Amino acid sequence: MKGMRKILLVSLFVLFLCPAGAVRVSGTAAEYAGRSFVFFTHSDPVTRSPLPIFTLSIGHDGNFSGSVEVTSPVYCFADFGIFRGRFFLEPGKEVTLHLPPLREKSFEESKNPYFEPVEIWLKTGDGGTGELTNLISRFDTRLFRLTDKYFNQLYHRQMKSYADTINRYMEGEFGNFKDPLFREHFRVRMAALEADVMRAGREKMAANLKDLPAEAWSRPAFTDFLNRLYVNTLSTESKSPAGASLRLWVARENLTELKNWTARFTAAPSPLADVILLKLLYDAWYSGEFSKNGIRKMVASAYFSSHNMKEVRDMASMVSEKITFLQPGTTAPEICLPSGEDRTWCTRSNTSSYLYLLFADLEIPVCQEQVKYLKTLVEKTGKDVQVVVVASPSSRINVMEFMSRHQVPGIVVTDTPGLEAGKLYKVRSYPSAFLLDSQHRVVLAPARTPLDGFEFQFEDLKKK
């Protein structure tokens, strides 16, 4: 998390008073009275890790206001039930923000780890195109309608003439708007459309964006472009006859050959080619098809850590931090949570040889069965393992009563209402398990869950 904090402190200074020159955000949203929402931005276009920008607290009368100081336009977003509302903070401007209608997640949606919110641009001011967010919203809506209208010609028949026609339509409708950030958004969106309809050489479209300023890399148009063109590229290209050397270069940590290949493949010069290479290595890590040790060393190499562009150095740091998080041998973050009877228990107080952390949501039936099986699991693993259940808070189930009734062994702590401990361990789905050693270092992440055979995994571990 240190890399994330560093980027946040360098790039943004967030205030909760109202200093001169700050962006003031205000509005009324009676449906959300009494709630608070954290707005984030993306740390970089590769990991897209969320960095908090400011918190919007809505009074019991439905009114809200806050102040944020920024030095350049900043894209930010927050989740409102099923919606993800997005807008741009522009230095020195006041923003009247209109939140989306209240539409809470259903029980099933709230428990679905793969649920994706509906992304919308928030309306600002009176909704006119004089404000950047409204202009981009109108542009994206119009572009979506045209690409939907000509879907077959664009995506099935790959007729470039239709992409050119759409470009002319969009230029005719939006050509008079000269805001630099909007023109950048326009340009990147149209480059993505052109790449979509190219039969060959689409990967070289990035060369047309080589003069984009570095601050544009984390804005949504470019992050979408980067992901659409280069998602899992190393995996795909390594399976072609011409790409047989890619796995070998990664395994041998041959960054020079990979840099040269990326430059040829994309026709993009540095630093843009370096951004793309970080994206390729990041996806390759998660594909499981390449040497993770090779990727880790290349991302942490002097080439990236000493790069002449700060944005590339920070990006490499974020990638390195994310791919090494909870890797075997690293120190896991400490958890301190209430364990009942006004007591707080911290994971570093463990004195056993191993600490087995099980994150469970007892409102999910399968989690109940996993937790019940802990009694048998403890009998099979012995006293070397301290079992800790991190239970999600629930208004439907009395967690402590459930544990007592089913004689669940170990220590039971309850996560915060915002599931901060789950977020700290980046738990996406429940149940999830982790095994730490007596020094709080990661042994298995993830470990198998109780019903998935953790006791057998643990026996194999002890034999090594």
Protein backbone atom coordinates (compact mmCIF):
# COMPACT_ATOMS: atom_id res chain seq x y z
CA MET A 1 0.00 0.00 0.00
CA LYS A 2 2.99 2.33 0.34
CA GLY A 3 3.19 2.87 -3.43
CA MET A 4 -0.48 3.84 -3.58
CA ARG A 5 -0.09 6.36 -0.77
CA LYS A 6 2.99 7.82 -2.41
CA ILE A 7 1.23 8.45 -5.71
CA LEU A 8 -1.76 9.93 -3.92
CA LEU A 9 0.37 12.37 -1.94
CA VAL A 10 2.40 13.42 -4.96
CA SER A 11 -0.44 13.89 -7.40
CA LEU A 12 -3.32 15.19 -5.27
CA PHE A 13 -3.84 17.24 -2.15
CA VAL A 14 -7.28 16.71 -0.67
CA LEU A 15 -8.84 19.23 1.69
CA PHE A 16 -12.06 19.10 3.63
CA LEU A 17 -12.27 22.85 4.21
CA CYS A 18 -12.72 25.33 1.40
CA PRO A 19 -9.40 26.98 0.46
CA ALA A 20 -9.14 29.51 -2.30
CA GLY A 21 -8.98 27.90 -5.73
CA ALA A 22 -10.44 24.57 -4.58
CA VAL A 23 -13.13 22.70 -6.50
CA ARG A 24 -16.36 22.92 -4.54
CA VAL A 25 -18.74 19.97 -5.01
CA SER A 26 -22.31 20.45 -3.82
CA GLY A 27 -25.84 19.29 -4.48
CA THR A 28 -28.98 17.73 -3.07
CA ALA A 29 -29.83 14.02 -2.95
CA ALA A 30 -32.68 13.36 -0.53
CA GLU A 31 -32.72 9.62 -1.32
CA TYR A 32 -29.17 9.28 0.00
CA ALA A 33 -29.63 11.35 3.18
CA GLY A 34 -27.23 10.35 5.94
CA ARG A 35 -24.90 8.32 3.71
CA SER A 36 -21.26 8.81 2.73
CA PHE A 37 -19.53 7.90 -0.51
CA VAL A 38 -15.82 7.71 -1.27
CA PHE A 39 -14.75 8.96 -4.69
CA PHE A 40 -11.70 7.29 -6.24
CA THR A 41 -9.46 7.77 -9.22
CA HIS A 42 -7.31 5.16 -10.98
CA SER A 43 -3.68 5.00 -9.92
CA ASP A 44 -2.53 4.04 -13.41
CA PRO A 45 -3.87 2.48 -16.64
CA VAL A 46 -2.36 -0.97 -15.99
CA THR A 47 -3.45 -2.02 -12.48
CA ARG A 48 -6.29 0.53 -12.30
CA SER A 49 -6.03 0.39 -8.53
CA PRO A 50 -8.52 2.75 -6.87
CA LEU A 51 -7.00 5.73 -5.05
CA PRO A 52 -9.33 7.67 -2.71
CA ILE A 53 -9.76 11.35 -3.62
CA PHE A 54 -12.47 12.66 -1.31
CA THR A 55 -15.46 11.58 0.74
CA LEU A 56 -18.89 12.99 0.02
CA SER A 57 -21.06 13.05 3.14
CA ILE A 58 -24.75 13.75 2.62
CA GLY A 59 -26.56 15.46 5.46
CA HIS A 60 -29.83 14.25 6.94
CA ASP A 61 -31.55 17.03 4.99
CA GLY A 62 -30.18 15.56 1.73
CA ASN A 63 -27.74 18.41 1.09
CA PHE A 64 -24.01 17.95 0.60
CA SER A 65 -20.97 20.07 -0.09
CA GLY A 66 -17.23 19.57 0.02
CA SER A 67 -13.99 20.95 -1.30
CA VAL A 68 -11.12 19.32 -3.17
CA GLU A 69 -7.97 21.01 -4.39
CA VAL A 70 -6.51 19.67 -7.64
CA THR A 71 -3.88 21.07 -9.98
CA SER A 72 -5.19 19.48 -13.18
CA PRO A 73 -8.43 17.79 -14.31
CA VAL A 74 -8.97 14.55 -12.37
CA TYR A 75 -11.28 11.69 -13.34
CA CYS A 76 -13.06 10.22 -10.33
CA PHE A 77 -15.82 7.71 -9.58
CA ALA A 78 -17.94 6.32 -6.75
CA ASP A 79 -20.45 3.49 -6.42
CA PHE A 80 -24.11 4.24 -5.67
CA GLY A 81 -25.92 0.91 -5.34
CA ILE A 82 -25.89 -0.70 -8.79
CA PHE A 83 -24.44 2.44 -10.42
CA ARG A 84 -20.88 3.70 -10.73
CA GLY A 85 -21.09 7.46 -11.13
CA ARG A 86 -18.19 9.22 -12.87
CA PHE A 87 -17.20 12.82 -13.41
CA PHE A 88 -14.20 15.16 -13.81
CA LEU A 89 -12.93 17.54 -11.19
CA GLU A 90 -11.63 20.68 -12.89
CA PRO A 91 -9.37 23.11 -11.02
CA GLY A 92 -11.02 26.29 -9.83
CA LYS A 93 -14.57 25.31 -10.76
CA GLU A 94 -17.69 24.78 -8.71
CA VAL A 95 -19.66 21.63 -9.46
CA THR A 96 -23.32 21.02 -8.75
CA LEU A 97 -23.51 17.23 -8.79
CA HIS A 98 -26.66 15.20 -9.52
CA LEU A 99 -26.50 11.66 -8.11
CA PRO A 100 -28.27 8.76 -9.86
CA PRO A 101 -31.67 7.50 -8.67
CA LEU A 102 -31.37 5.19 -5.67
CA ARG A 103 -31.27 1.59 -6.84
CA GLU A 104 -29.85 -0.70 -4.19
CA LYS A 105 -28.20 -3.99 -5.08
CA SER A 106 -30.43 -7.00 -4.60
CA PHE A 107 -29.33 -9.62 -2.07
CA GLU A 108 -28.05 -11.80 -4.92
CA GLU A 109 -26.18 -8.88 -6.52
CA SER A 110 -24.55 -7.91 -3.22
CA LYS A 111 -23.27 -11.48 -2.75
CA ASN A 112 -22.08 -11.92 -6.34
CA PRO A 113 -18.30 -11.35 -6.40
CA TYR A 114 -18.40 -10.74 -10.16
CA PHE A 115 -21.13 -8.12 -10.10
CA GLU A 116 -20.12 -5.07 -12.12
CA PRO A 117 -21.86 -1.74 -11.51
CA VAL A 118 -23.53 0.10 -14.37
CA GLU A 119 -21.18 2.91 -15.37
CA ILE A 120 -22.77 6.28 -15.97
CA TRP A 121 -21.53 9.85 -16.30
CA LEU A 122 -23.02 11.98 -13.56
CA LYS A 123 -24.95 15.07 -14.61
CA THR A 124 -23.30 18.30 -13.47
CA GLY A 125 -24.83 21.78 -13.28
CA ASP A 126 -27.90 22.17 -15.47
CA GLY A 127 -26.77 19.32 -17.76
CA GLY A 128 -25.57 21.65 -20.52
CA THR A 129 -22.48 20.90 -22.59
CA GLY A 130 -20.65 23.85 -21.13
CA GLU A 131 -19.23 21.51 -18.48
CA LEU A 132 -16.66 18.87 -19.39
CA THR A 133 -18.41 15.88 -17.80
CA ASN A 134 -21.70 16.64 -19.56
CA LEU A 135 -19.92 17.07 -22.87
CA ILE A 136 -18.10 13.75 -22.58
CA SER A 137 -21.33 12.06 -21.49
CA ARG A 138 -23.17 13.35 -24.54
CA PHE A 139 -20.26 12.34 -26.80
CA ASP A 140 -20.09 8.78 -25.45
CA THR A 141 -23.86 8.35 -25.71
CA ARG A 142 -23.87 9.50 -29.32
CA LEU A 143 -20.90 7.30 -30.21
CA PHE A 144 -22.55 4.26 -28.61
CA ARG A 145 -25.74 4.82 -30.57
CA LEU A 146 -23.88 5.08 -33.88
CA THR A 147 -21.72 2.01 -33.26
CA ASP A 148 -24.84 0.11 -32.21
CA LYS A 149 -26.64 1.22 -35.38
CA TYR A 150 -23.78 0.05 -37.61
CA PHE A 151 -22.73 -2.90 -35.46
CA ASN A 152 -22.73 -5.49 -38.24
CA GLN A 153 -20.79 -3.31 -40.66
CA LEU A 154 -18.22 -2.38 -38.04
CA TYR A 155 -17.66 -5.54 -36.05
CA HIS A 156 -18.76 -8.39 -38.30
CA ARG A 157 -17.85 -7.10 -41.74
CA GLN A 158 -15.05 -4.83 -40.44
CA MET A 159 -15.81 -2.08 -42.94
CA LYS A 160 -13.44 0.80 -42.22
CA SER A 161 -15.57 3.13 -44.34
CA TYR A 162 -18.24 3.01 -41.64
CA ALA A 163 -15.71 3.97 -38.97
CA ASP A 164 -14.74 6.93 -41.17
CA THR A 165 -18.41 7.84 -41.56
CA ILE A 166 -18.96 7.79 -37.80
CA ASN A 167 -15.87 9.93 -37.35
CA ARG A 168 -17.32 12.52 -39.74
CA TYR A 169 -20.67 12.47 -37.94
CA MET A 170 -18.95 12.99 -34.59
CA GLU A 171 -16.70 15.73 -35.90
CA GLY A 172 -19.68 17.49 -37.40
CA GLU A 173 -21.57 17.38 -34.13
CA PHE A 174 -18.70 17.98 -31.69
CA GLY A 175 -16.02 19.67 -33.76
CA ASN A 176 -16.77 23.12 -32.33
CA PHE A 177 -15.87 22.09 -28.79
CA LYS A 178 -12.20 22.94 -28.26
CA ASP A 179 -11.63 21.94 -24.63
CA PRO A 180 -8.22 20.17 -24.73
CA LEU A 181 -9.29 17.29 -22.49
CA PHE A 182 -12.43 16.75 -24.54
CA ARG A 183 -10.42 16.76 -27.79
CA GLU A 184 -8.12 14.18 -26.21
CA HIS A 185 -11.12 12.03 -25.24
CA PHE A 186 -12.56 12.37 -28.76
CA ARG A 187 -9.28 11.38 -30.36
CA VAL A 188 -8.64 8.30 -28.21
CA ARG A 189 -12.22 7.02 -28.54
CA MET A 190 -12.05 7.28 -32.33
CA ALA A 191 -8.65 5.56 -32.38
CA ALA A 192 -10.18 2.67 -30.43
CA LEU A 193 -13.05 2.45 -32.92
CA GLU A 194 -10.66 2.39 -35.87
CA ALA A 195 -8.60 -0.34 -34.19
CA ASP A 196 -11.77 -2.41 -33.68
CA VAL A 197 -12.46 -2.58 -37.43
CA MET A 198 -8.90 -3.17 -38.66
CA ARG A 199 -8.29 -6.59 -40.13
CA ALA A 200 -4.54 -6.45 -39.51
CA GLY A 201 -2.14 -4.21 -37.67
CA ARG A 202 -4.63 -2.97 -35.08
CA GLU A 203 -1.96 -3.30 -32.39
CA LYS A 204 -0.01 -0.52 -34.12
CA MET A 205 -2.79 2.02 -33.54
CA ALA A 206 -1.06 2.96 -30.31
CA ALA A 207 1.61 4.74 -32.35
CA ASN A 208 -1.02 7.35 -33.26
CA LEU A 209 -1.28 8.27 -29.57
CA LYS A 210 2.45 8.60 -28.89
CA ASP A 211 2.14 12.35 -28.25
CA LEU A 212 -0.55 12.02 -25.57
CA PRO A 213 0.53 13.72 -22.33
CA ALA A 214 1.35 11.36 -19.47
CA GLU A 215 -1.55 12.68 -17.38
CA ALA A 216 -3.92 11.29 -20.04
CA TRP A 217 -2.83 7.70 -19.40
CA SER A 218 -5.08 7.22 -16.37
CA ARG A 219 -8.19 8.78 -17.92
CA PRO A 220 -10.95 6.38 -18.96
CA ALA A 221 -10.60 6.75 -22.75
CA PHE A 222 -6.95 5.66 -22.70
CA THR A 223 -7.33 2.93 -20.07
CA ASP A 224 -10.17 1.44 -22.14
CA PHE A 225 -8.04 1.72 -25.29
CA LEU A 226 -5.07 0.01 -23.65
CA ASN A 227 -7.17 -2.86 -22.34
CA ARG A 228 -9.08 -3.40 -25.59
CA LEU A 229 -5.95 -3.58 -27.71
CA TYR A 230 -3.51 -5.39 -25.46
CA VAL A 231 -5.39 -7.60 -23.01
CA ASN A 232 -3.55 -10.95 -22.65
CA THR A 233 -1.40 -10.12 -25.67
CA LEU A 234 1.69 -12.06 -24.58
CA SER A 235 -0.43 -15.17 -24.01
CA THR A 236 -1.98 -14.88 -27.47
CA GLU A 237 1.20 -14.01 -29.35
CA SER A 238 3.30 -16.67 -27.61
CA LYS A 239 1.08 -19.33 -29.17
CA SER A 240 1.88 -18.17 -32.70
CA PRO A 241 4.96 -19.49 -34.58
CA ALA A 242 6.50 -16.03 -34.55
CA GLY A 243 6.00 -15.69 -30.81
CA ALA A 244 7.68 -18.88 -29.66
CA SER A 245 10.54 -16.91 -28.10
CA LEU A 246 8.31 -14.83 -25.80
CA ARG A 247 8.09 -17.41 -23.01
CA LEU A 248 11.84 -17.95 -23.15
CA TRP A 249 12.57 -14.22 -22.90
CA VAL A 250 10.29 -13.90 -19.88
CA ALA A 251 11.83 -16.93 -18.17
CA ARG A 252 15.34 -15.58 -18.79
CA GLU A 253 14.32 -12.06 -17.71
CA ASN A 254 15.45 -10.79 -21.11
CA LEU A 255 13.94 -7.33 -20.86
CA THR A 256 15.96 -6.02 -23.80
CA GLU A 257 14.41 -8.47 -26.26
CA LEU A 258 10.92 -7.88 -24.85
CA LYS A 259 11.35 -4.11 -25.18
CA ASN A 260 12.49 -4.49 -28.79
CA TRP A 261 9.63 -6.87 -29.58
CA THR A 262 7.07 -4.49 -28.01
CA ALA A 263 8.43 -1.56 -30.00
CA ARG A 264 8.16 -3.55 -33.26
CA PHE A 265 4.76 -5.02 -32.39
CA THR A 266 3.14 -1.71 -31.48
CA ALA A 267 5.23 0.73 -33.57
CA ALA A 268 5.12 2.94 -30.48
CA PRO A 269 8.22 4.68 -29.13
CA SER A 270 9.20 5.05 -25.49
CA PRO A 271 7.66 5.99 -23.10
CA LEU A 272 4.34 4.75 -24.53
CA ALA A 273 5.94 1.42 -25.47
CA ASP A 274 7.08 1.04 -21.86
CA VAL A 275 3.53 1.59 -20.62
CA ILE A 276 2.30 -1.09 -23.01
CA LEU A 277 5.07 -3.48 -21.95
CA LEU A 278 4.03 -3.10 -18.31
CA LYS A 279 0.48 -3.94 -19.37
CA LEU A 280 1.73 -7.04 -21.23
CA LEU A 281 3.76 -8.25 -18.25
CA TYR A 282 0.93 -7.55 -15.81
CA ASP A 283 -1.54 -9.64 -17.82
CA ALA A 284 1.08 -12.36 -18.35
CA TRP A 285 1.52 -12.64 -14.57
CA TYR A 286 -2.16 -13.32 -14.00
CA SER A 287 -2.40 -15.69 -16.97
CA GLY A 288 -0.25 -18.22 -15.11
CA GLU A 289 1.45 -19.14 -18.40
CA PHE A 290 4.78 -17.38 -17.83
CA SER A 291 7.56 -17.35 -15.28
CA LYS A 292 6.29 -15.24 -12.40
CA ASN A 293 9.77 -14.83 -11.04
CA GLY A 294 10.94 -13.48 -14.40
CA ILE A 295 8.06 -11.01 -14.58
CA ARG A 296 8.58 -9.85 -11.00
CA LYS A 297 12.28 -9.17 -11.57
CA MET A 298 11.76 -7.34 -14.86
CA VAL A 299 9.05 -5.06 -13.46
CA ALA A 300 11.32 -4.24 -10.50
CA SER A 301 14.40 -3.79 -12.72
CA ALA A 302 16.47 -0.60 -12.88
CA TYR A 303 15.07 0.11 -16.34
CA PHE A 304 11.65 0.86 -14.84
CA SER A 305 12.66 2.00 -11.34
CA SER A 306 15.11 4.54 -12.82
CA HIS A 307 13.02 5.50 -15.84
CA ASN A 308 13.34 9.16 -16.84
CA MET A 309 9.55 9.60 -16.59
CA LYS A 310 8.09 9.66 -13.11
CA GLU A 311 4.74 8.35 -14.39
CA VAL A 312 6.41 5.18 -15.72
CA ARG A 313 8.38 4.73 -12.48
CA ASP A 314 5.21 5.05 -10.42
CA MET A 315 3.33 2.71 -12.75
CA ALA A 316 6.03 0.04 -12.46
CA SER A 317 5.97 0.45 -8.68
CA MET A 318 2.20 -0.08 -8.62
CA VAL A 319 2.47 -3.17 -10.85
CA SER A 320 5.27 -4.57 -8.69
CA GLU A 321 3.32 -3.91 -5.50
CA LYS A 322 0.19 -5.56 -6.82
CA ILE A 323 1.76 -8.70 -8.27
CA THR A 324 3.85 -9.33 -5.15
CA PHE A 325 1.03 -8.68 -2.68
CA LEU A 326 0.49 -11.73 -0.43
CA GLN A 327 3.10 -13.74 -2.32
CA PRO A 328 4.68 -16.58 -0.28
CA GLY A 329 7.30 -15.20 2.08
CA THR A 330 5.93 -11.66 2.19
CA THR A 331 4.54 -10.19 5.40
CA ALA A 332 0.75 -10.16 5.48
CA PRO A 333 -1.16 -7.11 6.76
CA GLU A 334 -2.25 -7.28 10.38
CA ILE A 335 -5.91 -7.51 11.30
CA CYS A 336 -7.29 -6.20 14.61
CA LEU A 337 -11.02 -6.77 15.05
CA PRO A 338 -13.55 -7.28 17.85
CA SER A 339 -13.86 -10.86 19.06
CA GLY A 340 -16.86 -10.35 21.35
CA GLU A 341 -17.23 -9.17 24.94
CA ASP A 342 -15.62 -5.82 24.08
CA ARG A 343 -12.33 -7.51 23.26
CA THR A 344 -10.12 -6.88 20.24
CA TRP A 345 -7.93 -9.62 18.81
CA CYS A 346 -4.97 -8.97 16.49
CA THR A 347 -3.50 -11.56 14.16
CA ARG A 348 0.06 -10.75 15.26
CA SER A 349 -0.78 -12.03 18.74
CA ASN A 350 -0.89 -15.57 17.35
CA THR A 351 1.60 -17.92 19.05
CA SER A 352 0.91 -21.07 17.03
CA SER A 353 3.15 -22.29 14.22
CA TYR A 354 0.50 -21.40 11.64
CA LEU A 355 -2.45 -19.03 11.39
CA TYR A 356 -5.35 -20.09 9.17
CA LEU A 357 -7.51 -17.09 8.23
CA LEU A 358 -10.96 -17.88 6.88
CA PHE A 359 -13.05 -14.98 5.56
CA ALA A 360 -16.70 -16.05 5.66
CA ASP A 361 -20.09 -14.47 5.03
CA LEU A 362 -22.62 -16.48 7.01
CA GLU A 363 -25.51 -15.10 4.96
CA ILE A 364 -24.22 -17.37 2.16
CA PRO A 365 -25.25 -21.02 2.75
CA VAL A 366 -21.99 -22.47 1.40
CA CYS A 367 -20.05 -20.33 3.87
CA GLN A 368 -22.10 -21.74 6.73
CA GLU A 369 -21.14 -25.27 5.69
CA GLN A 370 -17.46 -24.30 5.35
CA VAL A 371 -17.45 -22.81 8.84
CA LYS A 372 -19.25 -25.81 10.37
CA TYR A 373 -16.56 -28.11 8.93
CA LEU A 374 -13.86 -26.26 10.86
CA LYS A 375 -14.53 -28.54 13.83
CA THR A 376 -13.46 -31.57 11.78
CA LEU A 377 -10.63 -29.65 10.13
CA VAL A 378 -9.08 -28.72 13.48
CA GLU A 379 -9.21 -32.36 14.57
CA LYS A 380 -7.27 -33.33 11.44
CA THR A 381 -4.67 -30.53 11.41
CA GLY A 382 -3.82 -30.62 15.11
CA LYS A 383 -2.63 -27.89 17.44
CA ASP A 384 -0.08 -26.42 15.05
CA VAL A 385 -2.75 -24.33 13.33
CA GLN A 386 -4.61 -21.44 14.95
CA VAL A 387 -7.94 -21.01 13.17
CA VAL A 388 -9.36 -17.49 12.86
CA VAL A 389 -12.75 -16.81 11.29
CA VAL A 390 -13.18 -13.28 9.96
CA ALA A 391 -16.97 -13.06 9.70
CA SER A 392 -18.76 -10.42 7.67
CA PRO A 393 -21.18 -8.37 9.78
CA SER A 394 -24.79 -9.45 9.35
CA SER A 395 -28.22 -8.15 10.26
CA ARG A 396 -29.76 -11.51 9.35
CA ILE A 397 -27.60 -13.88 11.38
CA ASN A 398 -26.19 -13.58 14.88
CA VAL A 399 -22.58 -14.53 14.13
CA MET A 400 -21.52 -15.38 17.68
CA GLU A 401 -24.68 -17.39 18.34
CA PHE A 402 -24.11 -19.37 15.12
CA MET A 403 -20.52 -20.16 16.11
CA SER A 404 -21.54 -21.23 19.61
CA ARG A 405 -24.46 -23.36 18.43
CA HIS A 406 -22.26 -25.28 15.98
CA GLN A 407 -19.28 -25.44 18.36
CA VAL A 408 -16.97 -23.84 15.82
CA PRO A 409 -13.40 -23.89 17.21
CA GLY A 410 -10.84 -21.13 16.98
CA ILE A 411 -11.10 -17.37 17.26
CA VAL A 412 -14.01 -15.51 15.73
CA VAL A 413 -13.74 -11.82 14.86
CA THR A 414 -16.25 -9.63 13.06
CA ASP A 415 -15.22 -7.46 10.13
CA THR A 416 -16.16 -3.78 9.98
CA PRO A 417 -19.39 -2.69 8.25
CA GLY A 418 -17.29 -1.61 5.25
CA LEU A 419 -15.48 -4.98 5.16
CA GLU A 420 -12.14 -3.25 5.64
CA ALA A 421 -10.31 -6.44 6.62
CA GLY A 422 -11.67 -8.23 3.55
CA LYS A 423 -10.54 -5.34 1.37
CA LEU A 424 -7.14 -5.34 3.06
CA TYR A 425 -6.66 -8.94 1.94
CA LYS A 426 -8.36 -8.18 -1.39
CA VAL A 427 -11.00 -10.83 -0.79
CA ARG A 428 -13.33 -10.92 -3.76
CA SER A 429 -15.48 -13.94 -2.96
CA TYR A 430 -16.45 -15.66 0.26
CA PRO A 431 -15.23 -18.00 1.61
CA SER A 432 -11.53 -17.23 1.10
CA ALA A 433 -8.65 -18.61 3.16
CA PHE A 434 -5.02 -17.70 3.83
CA LEU A 435 -2.26 -19.51 5.73
CA LEU A 436 0.39 -17.48 7.59
CA ASP A 437 3.36 -18.66 9.63
CA SER A 438 4.28 -17.66 13.18
CA GLN A 439 6.11 -14.57 11.85
CA HIS A 440 2.96 -13.39 10.03
CA ARG A 441 4.47 -14.29 6.68
CA VAL A 442 2.38 -15.71 3.86
CA VAL A 443 2.61 -19.45 3.34
CA LEU A 444 -0.44 -19.95 1.11
CA ALA A 445 -2.54 -17.25 -0.54
CA PRO A 446 -5.06 -18.43 -1.24
CA ALA A 447 -5.16 -21.54 0.86
CA ARG A 448 -7.83 -24.13 0.26
CA THR A 449 -11.06 -23.65 2.14
CA PRO A 450 -12.15 -26.26 4.72
CA LEU A 451 -14.46 -28.24 2.45
CA ASP A 452 -12.01 -27.91 -0.45
CA GLY A 453 -9.46 -30.04 1.41
CA PHE A 454 -7.23 -27.71 3.37
CA GLU A 455 -6.17 -30.50 5.73
CA PHE A 456 -4.68 -32.44 2.79
CA GLN A 457 -2.94 -29.31 1.50
CA PHE A 458 -1.54 -28.74 4.98
CA GLU A 459 -0.25 -32.32 5.25
CA ASP A 460 1.52 -31.94 1.90
CA LEU A 461 3.01 -28.67 3.13
CA LYS A 462 4.43 -30.26 6.29
CA LYS A 463 6.12 -33.00 4.23
CA LYS A 464 8.17 -30.47 2.26
